[in-house]
Amino acid sequence: MRPFTIAVAGKGGTGKTTLAALIIECLRRQGPVLAVDADPNCNLGEALGLEVKRTIGQLRDDVLERIADLPPGVPKDQILELGLHECLVEDEGVDLLTMGHGEGPRCYCMVNHVLRRVIDTLRGNYRYVVLDNEAGMEHLSRRTTQDVDALLVVAEPNPVSLRAAARIKEIAEELGLRVRSKFLVLNRLQGDLPRGLEGPIRELGLPLLGTVPYDPEVEGLSTAGRPLRELPPGSPASLAVEGILKKLRLGKEG
């Protein structure tokens, strides 16, 4: 059965990676979950408390460096598959794959083609896939990961952040990505929704899937560089994310 795939995107500073990590922490209890850090900043591992020793970007570079020295007949896909498993960080209920830096001036077409196939095969071992994407959705645009069930665009409850969310929605549409549903998630909400935002949210054209309140426990762990699994039971942010995931699993797309 194909895993349910959630992609999280948002402008830097909106708490996108934190939201992705909270989603993963909620899902790992039902897992298994494949977490994919597709943001070149590579902060998802830290939020999950997992040490990343090798990225897909480094693997691509290594293969291109060695490709001319490989004996004839050595299958490139086998080398990439072995390297991919070296990039995989395994933990209870969740495995993490970090994409790393983008492409350089060399031609990555062959490597990306094989990686797409290998990653697609790897995904079949999981119940859920969660991708932490940069705002430009670089890896999705190269089709490194395909068939997203839900794209969650993260914004803070202010007009500037909503305009950035609108641009991310436009990018997804311009790229023609295979995304089943797109939603807005408002993060770090303090109290009720600010007056005057209802109109801009409607104009955005993204159903508001849910809101995540400001949670000082989340900020404290992030500031200290501690994983979010150390959140106390019943933290407001965790409960809000559980509610968001319940809507997704029940197919309530707004």
Protein backbone atom coordinates (compact mmCIF):
# COMPACT_ATOMS: atom_id res chain seq x y z
CA MET A 1 0.00 0.00 0.00
CA ARG A 2 1.30 3.44 -0.92
CA PRO A 3 2.26 5.52 2.13
CA PHE A 4 0.37 8.68 3.02
CA THR A 5 2.76 11.51 2.14
CA ILE A 6 2.72 14.92 3.81
CA ALA A 7 4.91 17.75 2.53
CA VAL A 8 5.48 20.80 4.74
CA ALA A 9 6.59 24.07 3.16
CA GLY A 10 6.90 27.62 4.38
CA LYS A 11 9.04 30.72 4.39
CA GLY A 12 12.04 30.63 6.71
CA GLY A 13 11.19 31.58 10.27
CA THR A 14 7.59 30.35 10.23
CA GLY A 15 8.38 27.24 12.27
CA LYS A 16 8.07 24.94 9.26
CA THR A 17 10.70 22.44 10.44
CA THR A 18 9.28 22.46 13.95
CA LEU A 19 5.84 21.64 12.57
CA ALA A 20 7.28 18.84 10.42
CA ALA A 21 9.04 17.40 13.48
CA LEU A 22 5.86 17.60 15.57
CA ILE A 23 3.97 15.76 12.83
CA ILE A 24 6.65 13.06 12.74
CA GLU A 25 6.63 12.70 16.52
CA CYS A 26 2.84 12.21 16.45
CA LEU A 27 2.96 9.70 13.59
CA ARG A 28 5.91 7.63 14.79
CA ARG A 29 3.67 6.04 17.41
CA GLN A 30 1.62 4.63 14.53
CA GLY A 31 4.60 4.40 12.13
CA PRO A 32 6.77 3.47 10.55
CA VAL A 33 7.55 6.96 9.23
CA LEU A 34 10.08 8.00 6.60
CA ALA A 35 11.15 11.56 7.40
CA VAL A 36 12.78 13.41 4.50
CA ASP A 37 14.69 16.61 5.19
CA ALA A 38 14.46 18.34 1.81
CA ASP A 39 15.50 21.76 3.12
CA PRO A 40 19.17 22.58 2.39
CA ASN A 41 19.44 24.02 5.92
CA CYS A 42 19.14 20.43 7.22
CA ASN A 43 17.62 21.15 10.65
CA LEU A 44 15.09 18.32 10.83
CA GLY A 45 17.56 15.83 12.27
CA GLU A 46 18.32 18.15 15.18
CA ALA A 47 14.60 18.65 15.89
CA LEU A 48 14.18 14.85 15.96
CA GLY A 49 17.35 14.23 17.96
CA LEU A 50 18.95 12.22 15.15
CA GLU A 51 22.56 12.62 14.01
CA VAL A 52 23.00 12.93 10.25
CA LYS A 53 26.38 11.70 8.99
CA ARG A 54 25.77 11.65 5.24
CA THR A 55 23.32 13.39 2.92
CA ILE A 56 21.94 12.55 -0.51
CA GLY A 57 23.77 15.57 -1.88
CA GLN A 58 27.08 14.15 -0.66
CA LEU A 59 26.16 10.75 -2.10
CA ARG A 60 25.43 12.28 -5.50
CA ASP A 61 28.77 14.09 -5.51
CA ASP A 62 30.66 10.94 -4.45
CA VAL A 63 29.09 8.88 -7.23
CA LEU A 64 29.87 11.50 -9.89
CA GLU A 65 33.46 11.72 -8.65
CA ARG A 66 33.92 7.94 -8.86
CA ILE A 67 31.83 7.14 -11.91
CA ALA A 68 34.69 7.36 -14.41
CA ASP A 69 36.86 5.02 -12.32
CA LEU A 70 34.25 2.28 -11.95
CA PRO A 71 34.90 -0.93 -13.90
CA PRO A 72 32.67 -1.50 -16.95
CA GLY A 73 29.46 -3.34 -16.11
CA VAL A 74 29.28 -2.18 -12.49
CA PRO A 75 25.59 -1.24 -11.98
CA LYS A 76 25.35 2.41 -10.94
CA ASP A 77 21.94 1.83 -9.38
CA GLN A 78 23.36 -0.76 -6.97
CA ILE A 79 26.05 1.67 -5.84
CA LEU A 80 23.43 4.38 -5.29
CA GLU A 81 21.12 1.99 -3.46
CA LEU A 82 23.89 0.98 -1.07
CA GLY A 83 24.84 4.61 -0.57
CA LEU A 84 21.23 5.56 0.07
CA HIS A 85 20.99 3.11 2.93
CA GLU A 86 24.18 4.60 4.38
CA CYS A 87 22.40 7.98 4.36
CA LEU A 88 19.39 6.57 6.21
CA VAL A 89 19.35 7.31 9.95
CA GLU A 90 17.24 4.73 11.76
CA ASP A 91 15.35 5.25 15.01
CA GLU A 92 12.35 3.72 16.74
CA GLY A 93 9.31 4.29 14.54
CA VAL A 94 11.04 6.75 12.20
CA ASP A 95 13.90 6.77 9.71
CA LEU A 96 15.43 10.00 8.44
CA LEU A 97 16.77 10.75 4.97
CA THR A 98 18.51 14.11 4.51
CA MET A 99 18.72 15.52 1.00
CA GLY A 100 21.42 18.12 1.72
CA HIS A 101 22.71 20.72 -0.70
CA GLY A 102 21.32 21.30 -4.17
CA GLU A 103 22.93 20.50 -7.46
CA GLY A 104 26.14 22.08 -8.68
CA PRO A 105 27.23 22.84 -12.25
CA ARG A 106 27.69 19.18 -13.20
CA CYS A 107 25.00 17.02 -14.80
CA TYR A 108 23.06 15.12 -12.15
CA CYS A 109 20.42 13.71 -14.52
CA MET A 110 21.49 10.05 -14.35
CA VAL A 111 22.04 10.14 -10.59
CA ASN A 112 18.69 11.83 -9.90
CA HIS A 113 16.88 9.39 -12.18
CA VAL A 114 18.21 6.41 -10.23
CA LEU A 115 17.65 8.13 -6.89
CA ARG A 116 14.01 8.78 -7.76
CA ARG A 117 13.49 5.10 -8.45
CA VAL A 118 15.35 3.92 -5.36
CA ILE A 119 13.61 6.40 -3.04
CA ASP A 120 10.24 5.46 -4.51
CA THR A 121 11.00 1.81 -3.73
CA LEU A 122 12.17 2.74 -0.23
CA ARG A 123 8.93 4.61 0.46
CA GLY A 124 6.99 1.36 0.12
CA ASN A 125 8.39 0.20 3.46
CA TYR A 126 6.62 2.95 5.40
CA ARG A 127 3.10 3.86 6.42
CA TYR A 128 3.81 7.60 6.32
CA VAL A 129 6.28 9.88 4.58
CA VAL A 130 6.82 13.42 5.89
CA LEU A 131 8.89 15.90 3.87
CA ASP A 132 10.31 19.11 5.27
CA ASN A 133 10.69 21.33 2.18
CA GLU A 134 12.22 24.71 1.60
CA ALA A 135 9.94 27.48 0.33
CA GLY A 136 11.08 26.93 -3.27
CA MET A 137 10.39 23.19 -2.98
CA GLU A 138 13.57 22.37 -4.88
CA HIS A 139 13.50 18.61 -4.41
CA LEU A 140 9.81 18.34 -5.24
CA SER A 141 10.43 20.38 -8.40
CA ARG A 142 13.05 17.85 -9.50
CA ARG A 143 10.53 15.07 -8.78
CA THR A 144 12.96 13.48 -6.30
CA THR A 145 9.84 12.66 -4.30
CA GLN A 146 6.49 12.38 -6.05
CA ASP A 147 2.80 11.90 -5.29
CA VAL A 148 2.15 14.10 -2.26
CA ASP A 149 -1.18 13.53 -0.53
CA ALA A 150 -1.20 16.76 1.48
CA LEU A 151 0.91 19.90 1.09
CA LEU A 152 0.81 21.95 4.29
CA VAL A 153 1.83 25.57 3.72
CA VAL A 154 2.92 27.06 7.05
CA ALA A 155 2.45 30.73 7.84
CA GLU A 156 2.32 32.96 10.88
CA PRO A 157 -0.89 34.90 11.52
CA ASN A 158 0.09 38.16 9.80
CA PRO A 159 -0.35 39.60 6.28
CA VAL A 160 3.35 39.40 5.34
CA SER A 161 3.54 35.69 6.16
CA LEU A 162 0.27 35.03 4.31
CA ARG A 163 1.67 36.70 1.19
CA ALA A 164 4.69 34.39 1.38
CA ALA A 165 2.31 31.42 1.70
CA ALA A 166 0.50 32.61 -1.43
CA ARG A 167 3.79 32.57 -3.34
CA ILE A 168 4.53 29.00 -2.20
CA LYS A 169 1.07 27.94 -3.42
CA GLU A 170 1.85 29.58 -6.77
CA ILE A 171 5.19 27.75 -7.01
CA ALA A 172 3.48 24.40 -6.42
CA GLU A 173 0.94 25.17 -9.14
CA GLU A 174 3.56 26.46 -11.60
CA LEU A 175 5.63 23.31 -11.16
CA GLY A 176 2.63 21.10 -11.86
CA LEU A 177 3.39 18.94 -8.83
CA ARG A 178 1.25 15.89 -8.18
CA VAL A 179 -0.31 17.12 -4.95
CA ARG A 180 -3.70 15.74 -3.97
CA SER A 181 -4.63 18.52 -1.51
CA LYS A 182 -3.11 21.81 -0.35
CA PHE A 183 -3.80 23.41 3.02
CA LEU A 184 -2.83 26.39 5.13
CA VAL A 185 -1.59 25.89 8.70
CA LEU A 186 -1.20 28.94 10.92
CA ASN A 187 1.64 28.56 13.39
CA ARG A 188 2.49 30.31 16.68
CA LEU A 189 -1.00 31.67 17.16
CA GLN A 190 -1.36 33.61 20.41
CA GLY A 191 -4.98 33.70 21.44
CA ASP A 192 -7.68 34.12 18.82
CA LEU A 193 -7.12 34.74 15.13
CA PRO A 194 -6.25 38.45 14.68
CA ARG A 195 -9.10 40.57 13.38
CA GLY A 196 -8.90 41.37 9.71
CA LEU A 197 -7.14 38.16 8.65
CA GLU A 198 -10.27 36.28 7.60
CA GLY A 199 -10.38 38.07 4.24
CA PRO A 200 -6.70 37.52 3.31
CA ILE A 201 -7.01 33.86 4.30
CA ARG A 202 -10.04 33.41 2.03
CA GLU A 203 -8.24 35.17 -0.84
CA LEU A 204 -5.28 32.83 -0.41
CA GLY A 205 -7.33 29.95 -1.78
CA LEU A 206 -5.96 27.43 0.70
CA PRO A 207 -8.36 25.77 3.17
CA LEU A 208 -7.27 26.50 6.75
CA LEU A 209 -6.59 23.02 8.07
CA GLY A 210 -5.74 24.12 11.58
CA THR A 211 -3.76 26.39 13.87
CA VAL A 212 -0.85 25.64 16.18
CA PRO A 213 -0.61 27.82 19.27
CA TYR A 214 2.56 29.44 20.52
CA ASP A 215 4.08 26.94 22.92
CA PRO A 216 6.91 28.12 25.21
CA GLU A 217 7.98 24.51 25.77
CA VAL A 218 8.62 24.13 22.02
CA GLU A 219 10.61 27.36 21.93
CA GLY A 220 12.62 26.32 24.96
CA LEU A 221 13.62 22.98 23.45
CA SER A 222 14.47 24.58 20.10
CA THR A 223 16.62 27.24 21.75
CA ALA A 224 18.46 24.59 23.76
CA GLY A 225 18.95 22.37 20.71
CA ARG A 226 16.92 19.60 22.33
CA PRO A 227 14.66 17.18 20.38
CA LEU A 228 10.92 17.76 20.39
CA ARG A 229 10.26 14.26 21.69
CA GLU A 230 11.15 15.74 25.10
CA LEU A 231 7.95 17.80 25.08
CA PRO A 232 5.79 17.04 28.12
CA PRO A 233 2.60 15.02 27.56
CA GLY A 234 -0.31 17.13 26.44
CA SER A 235 1.72 20.11 25.24
CA PRO A 236 -0.53 22.61 23.40
CA ALA A 237 1.47 22.37 20.16
CA SER A 238 1.40 18.57 20.15
CA LEU A 239 -2.34 18.46 20.80
CA ALA A 240 -2.95 20.91 17.97
CA VAL A 241 -0.88 18.82 15.56
CA GLU A 242 -2.75 15.69 16.60
CA GLY A 243 -5.98 17.48 15.67
CA ILE A 244 -4.57 18.47 12.28
CA LEU A 245 -3.50 14.92 11.53
CA LYS A 246 -6.90 13.59 12.58
CA LYS A 247 -8.52 15.80 9.94
CA LEU A 248 -6.10 14.54 7.29
CA ARG A 249 -6.57 10.88 8.16
CA LEU A 250 -10.35 11.22 8.17
CA GLY A 251 -10.21 12.94 4.79
CA LYS A 252 -11.78 16.19 5.99
CA GLU A 253 -10.20 18.45 3.43
CA GLY A 254 -12.20 21.56 4.25
